[in-house]
Protein backbone atom coordinates (compact mmCIF):
# COMPACT_ATOMS: atom_id res chain seq x y z
CA UNK A 1 75.65 84.87 71.07
CA UNK A 2 75.71 81.16 70.19
CA UNK A 3 78.58 81.76 67.76
CA UNK A 4 80.45 83.68 70.45
CA UNK A 5 80.04 80.87 72.99
CA UNK A 6 81.28 78.32 70.45
CA UNK A 7 84.26 80.53 69.58
CA UNK A 8 85.22 81.06 73.22
CA UNK A 9 84.77 77.34 73.93
CA UNK A 10 87.13 76.51 71.07
CA UNK A 11 89.58 79.08 72.41
CA UNK A 12 89.38 77.45 75.85
CA UNK A 13 90.19 74.06 74.30
CA UNK A 14 93.28 75.59 72.68
CA UNK A 15 94.30 77.07 76.03
CA UNK A 16 93.92 73.68 77.72
CA UNK A 17 96.20 71.92 75.24
CA UNK A 18 98.75 74.74 74.99
CA UNK A 19 99.18 74.89 78.77
CA UNK A 20 100.99 71.56 78.64
CA UNK A 21 104.06 73.29 77.16
CA UNK A 22 106.90 74.32 79.45
CA UNK A 23 106.53 77.85 80.79
CA UNK A 24 103.01 78.17 79.38
CA UNK A 25 99.86 78.67 81.42
CA UNK A 26 96.25 79.31 80.48
CA UNK A 27 93.40 80.82 82.48
CA UNK A 28 89.66 80.67 81.88
CA UNK A 29 87.36 83.07 83.77
CA UNK A 30 83.59 83.42 83.98
CA UNK A 31 82.32 86.70 85.44
CA UNK A 32 78.93 88.32 85.96
CA UNK A 33 80.22 91.61 84.50
CA UNK A 34 83.42 92.60 82.67
CA UNK A 35 84.50 95.75 84.53
CA UNK A 36 87.54 97.67 83.29
CA UNK A 37 88.72 100.61 85.38
CA UNK A 38 85.32 100.93 86.99
CA UNK A 39 83.27 100.86 83.77
CA UNK A 40 81.40 97.84 82.40
CA UNK A 41 82.65 96.58 79.05
CA UNK A 42 79.87 94.01 78.63
CA UNK A 43 76.78 96.19 79.24
CA UNK A 44 76.47 94.60 82.71
CA UNK A 45 76.06 91.15 81.14
CA UNK A 46 78.20 88.08 81.97
CA UNK A 47 81.52 87.58 80.21
CA UNK A 48 83.62 84.53 79.39
CA UNK A 49 87.34 85.26 79.25
CA UNK A 50 90.54 83.41 78.52
CA UNK A 51 94.27 84.07 78.52
CA UNK A 52 97.35 82.26 77.28
CA UNK A 53 100.72 83.19 78.80
CA UNK A 54 104.35 82.27 78.38
CA UNK A 55 106.93 83.19 81.03
CA UNK A 56 110.67 82.55 80.65
CA UNK A 57 113.08 81.98 83.52
CA UNK A 58 114.65 85.37 82.75
CA UNK A 59 111.40 87.16 83.66
CA UNK A 60 110.32 87.90 80.10
CA UNK A 61 106.68 87.13 79.41
CA UNK A 62 104.22 87.37 76.53
CA UNK A 63 100.53 86.61 76.37
CA UNK A 64 97.09 87.12 74.89
CA UNK A 65 93.71 87.71 76.53
CA UNK A 66 90.16 87.66 75.11
CA UNK A 67 86.66 88.52 76.32
CA UNK A 68 83.24 89.25 74.91
CA UNK A 69 82.30 92.96 75.02
CA UNK A 70 79.22 95.09 74.36
CA UNK A 71 79.34 98.87 73.83
CA UNK A 72 75.69 99.00 72.73
CA UNK A 73 75.28 100.94 69.45
CA UNK A 74 78.93 101.93 69.11
CA UNK A 75 80.80 99.94 66.51
CA UNK A 76 79.43 96.40 65.97
CA UNK A 77 81.92 95.09 68.52
CA UNK A 78 81.60 91.67 70.17
CA UNK A 79 85.13 90.61 71.16
CA UNK A 80 88.15 92.26 72.77
CA UNK A 81 91.51 90.64 72.05
CA UNK A 82 94.57 91.97 73.89
CA UNK A 83 98.22 91.17 73.41
CA UNK A 84 100.98 92.02 75.88
CA UNK A 85 104.63 91.46 76.62
CA UNK A 86 106.96 92.60 79.34
CA UNK A 87 109.63 91.83 81.89
CA UNK A 88 109.05 90.94 85.56
CA UNK A 89 111.73 90.57 88.21
CA UNK A 90 112.17 90.36 91.99
CA UNK A 91 115.53 92.03 92.70
CA UNK A 92 115.36 91.64 96.46
CA UNK A 93 113.30 90.26 99.31
CA UNK A 94 109.74 91.63 99.13
CA UNK A 95 110.56 93.87 96.13
CA UNK A 96 109.43 93.44 92.52
CA UNK A 97 109.07 95.41 89.32
CA UNK A 98 107.22 94.93 86.06
CA UNK A 99 107.45 96.79 82.73
CA UNK A 100 105.85 96.16 79.37
CA UNK A 101 103.25 97.10 76.81
CA UNK A 102 99.70 96.01 76.05
CA UNK A 103 97.60 96.43 72.91
CA UNK A 104 93.80 96.47 73.10
CA UNK A 105 92.15 95.26 69.87
CA UNK A 106 88.50 94.93 68.87
CA UNK A 107 88.37 92.80 65.71
CA UNK A 108 85.54 93.32 63.23
CA UNK A 109 84.38 96.72 64.49
CA UNK A 110 82.94 99.34 62.15
CA UNK A 111 85.25 101.98 63.67
CA UNK A 112 88.85 101.76 64.82
CA UNK A 113 88.95 101.35 68.60
CA UNK A 114 92.39 99.72 68.88
CA UNK A 115 95.11 101.37 70.94
CA UNK A 116 98.19 100.50 72.96
CA UNK A 117 99.64 101.36 76.37
CA UNK A 118 103.02 101.10 78.02
CA UNK A 119 103.19 100.35 81.72
CA UNK A 120 105.59 100.30 84.64
CA UNK A 121 104.88 98.66 88.00
CA UNK A 122 106.65 98.54 91.35
CA UNK A 123 105.69 96.30 94.25
CA UNK A 124 106.71 95.87 97.88
CA UNK A 125 105.32 93.09 100.08
CA UNK A 126 101.52 93.41 99.80
CA UNK A 127 101.43 96.71 97.86
CA UNK A 128 101.70 97.41 94.11
CA UNK A 129 101.57 100.62 92.08
CA UNK A 130 101.30 100.69 88.26
CA UNK A 131 101.37 103.55 85.77
CA UNK A 132 99.90 103.14 82.26
CA UNK A 133 100.33 105.64 79.44
CA UNK A 134 98.96 105.92 75.90
CA UNK A 135 99.28 108.61 73.25
CA UNK A 136 96.17 107.30 71.45
CA UNK A 137 93.43 106.86 74.04
CA UNK A 138 90.70 104.65 72.53
CA UNK A 139 92.20 105.39 69.09
CA UNK A 140 91.24 109.07 69.49
CA UNK A 141 94.71 110.49 68.91
CA UNK A 142 95.08 112.07 72.37
CA UNK A 143 97.08 111.05 75.42
CA UNK A 144 95.70 109.39 78.53
CA UNK A 145 97.12 107.74 81.63
CA UNK A 146 96.02 105.47 84.42
CA UNK A 147 97.33 104.99 87.98
CA UNK A 148 96.60 101.65 89.63
CA UNK A 149 97.26 101.20 93.36
CA UNK A 150 96.39 97.86 94.92
CA UNK A 151 97.05 95.73 97.96
CA UNK A 152 96.40 92.08 98.79
CA UNK A 153 96.10 90.59 102.26
CA UNK A 154 95.33 87.24 103.83
CA UNK A 155 92.46 87.37 106.29
CA UNK A 156 92.58 85.26 109.47
CA UNK A 157 89.24 83.55 108.77
CA UNK A 158 88.07 80.91 106.26
CA UNK A 159 91.25 81.21 104.16
CA UNK A 160 89.88 84.39 102.62
CA UNK A 161 91.93 86.98 100.79
CA UNK A 162 91.23 90.71 100.65
CA UNK A 163 92.10 92.82 97.61
CA UNK A 164 91.90 96.62 97.73
CA UNK A 165 92.20 98.78 94.61
CA UNK A 166 92.22 102.46 93.68
CA UNK A 167 92.64 103.78 90.15
CA UNK A 168 92.76 107.18 88.48
CA UNK A 169 92.21 107.85 84.76
CA UNK A 170 93.29 111.23 83.38
CA UNK A 171 95.13 113.11 80.64
CA UNK A 172 94.25 115.38 77.68
CA UNK A 173 91.85 112.78 76.26
CA UNK A 174 89.61 113.21 79.33
CA UNK A 175 90.09 116.77 80.57
CA UNK A 176 88.26 118.66 77.85
CA UNK A 177 91.28 119.46 75.66
CA UNK A 178 90.62 116.57 73.30
CA UNK A 179 88.65 116.62 70.05
CA UNK A 180 87.76 112.97 70.71
CA UNK A 181 84.60 112.43 72.76
CA UNK A 182 85.30 109.64 75.27
CA UNK A 183 82.11 110.12 77.27
CA UNK A 184 83.77 110.69 80.66
CA UNK A 185 85.97 113.20 82.44
CA UNK A 186 89.03 112.38 84.53
CA UNK A 187 87.83 110.06 87.27
CA UNK A 188 88.71 107.67 90.08
CA UNK A 189 87.61 104.06 90.42
CA UNK A 190 87.94 101.70 93.36
CA UNK A 191 87.09 98.18 94.38
CA UNK A 192 87.10 95.88 97.40
CA UNK A 193 87.17 92.13 96.77
CA UNK A 194 87.08 88.94 98.79
CA UNK A 195 88.86 85.95 97.28
CA UNK A 196 88.88 82.24 98.09
CA UNK A 197 90.50 79.21 96.45
CA UNK A 198 88.80 75.83 96.32
CA UNK A 199 91.02 73.22 94.72
CA UNK A 200 91.89 74.36 91.21
CA UNK A 201 89.33 77.16 91.17
CA UNK A 202 89.54 80.74 92.43
CA UNK A 203 86.44 82.70 93.42
CA UNK A 204 86.10 86.45 93.80
CA UNK A 205 83.29 88.68 95.05
CA UNK A 206 84.04 92.34 94.33
CA UNK A 207 82.40 95.70 94.92
CA UNK A 208 83.17 98.35 92.23
CA UNK A 209 82.40 102.05 92.03
CA UNK A 210 83.64 105.32 90.49
CA UNK A 211 83.33 108.99 91.42
CA UNK A 212 81.65 109.85 88.10
CA UNK A 213 78.38 111.69 88.62
CA UNK A 214 76.03 114.14 86.95
CA UNK A 215 76.11 114.00 83.16
CA UNK A 216 78.97 111.47 83.24
CA UNK A 217 77.23 108.90 85.45
CA UNK A 218 75.73 105.90 83.65
CA UNK A 219 73.59 103.65 85.81
CA UNK A 220 72.35 101.02 83.38
CA UNK A 221 73.55 99.05 80.36
CA UNK A 222 76.55 99.84 78.17
CA UNK A 223 79.13 102.05 79.84
CA UNK A 224 77.55 101.78 83.30
CA UNK A 225 79.96 103.19 85.89
CA UNK A 226 77.97 103.26 89.12
CA UNK A 227 78.43 100.90 92.05
CA UNK A 228 78.02 97.17 91.38
CA UNK A 229 78.77 93.71 92.75
CA UNK A 230 80.71 91.35 90.49
CA UNK A 231 81.23 87.63 91.03
CA UNK A 232 83.95 85.73 89.15
CA UNK A 233 85.36 82.21 89.05
CA UNK A 234 88.58 81.23 87.30
CA UNK A 235 90.93 78.30 86.86
CA UNK A 236 94.50 78.14 85.55
CA UNK A 237 96.03 75.27 83.60
CA UNK A 238 98.01 73.12 83.93
CA UNK A 239 96.35 71.80 87.05
């Protein structure tokens, strides 16, 4: 754990210096639990995360994101390192679209967990919908997809923001037709979050849950997918 903290701290220092370049930003986040699509990726333990992003005036962007992870006795994993690139544009008032690809990598694991997704997003005013697709879900060789519907609002009190999210994970990799055991069936996840900015820092308090139950419900430790409260604080450079 000490080595991981030192590595992430060094990464944060690189982000700080790199953010001085034109078009480059860097974000550092501390969270009580790394939750991805309703399922903990850090065995319900805190996570330290960082991203480095470049965005051109044309709308093209490229970036990298890292976090500590813990899948218990799976594959000797400790770090997730993602790379992504895409194109974002706002063609008209209140309208936007986003398209790209992301690759999820887990360096140093004893088994191959790496896989990629393509995505397409469309937004209008406060509402966004994204579709993600992979033909190699968790490196298992079968297809999977994810729908992400979200909305963000400004509340009339205390400068609070409200973020609502619903997601659905499905496809052959999760419906019983796959030879790869992913540990869950097709499922929905959802969250409600309150956000607040104080100076250069953003705070979020979120409630997460899924509709997984029975043999697929995990209530403690690695892979937990029951309801939980997650608190996060982040800052983006340059200030």
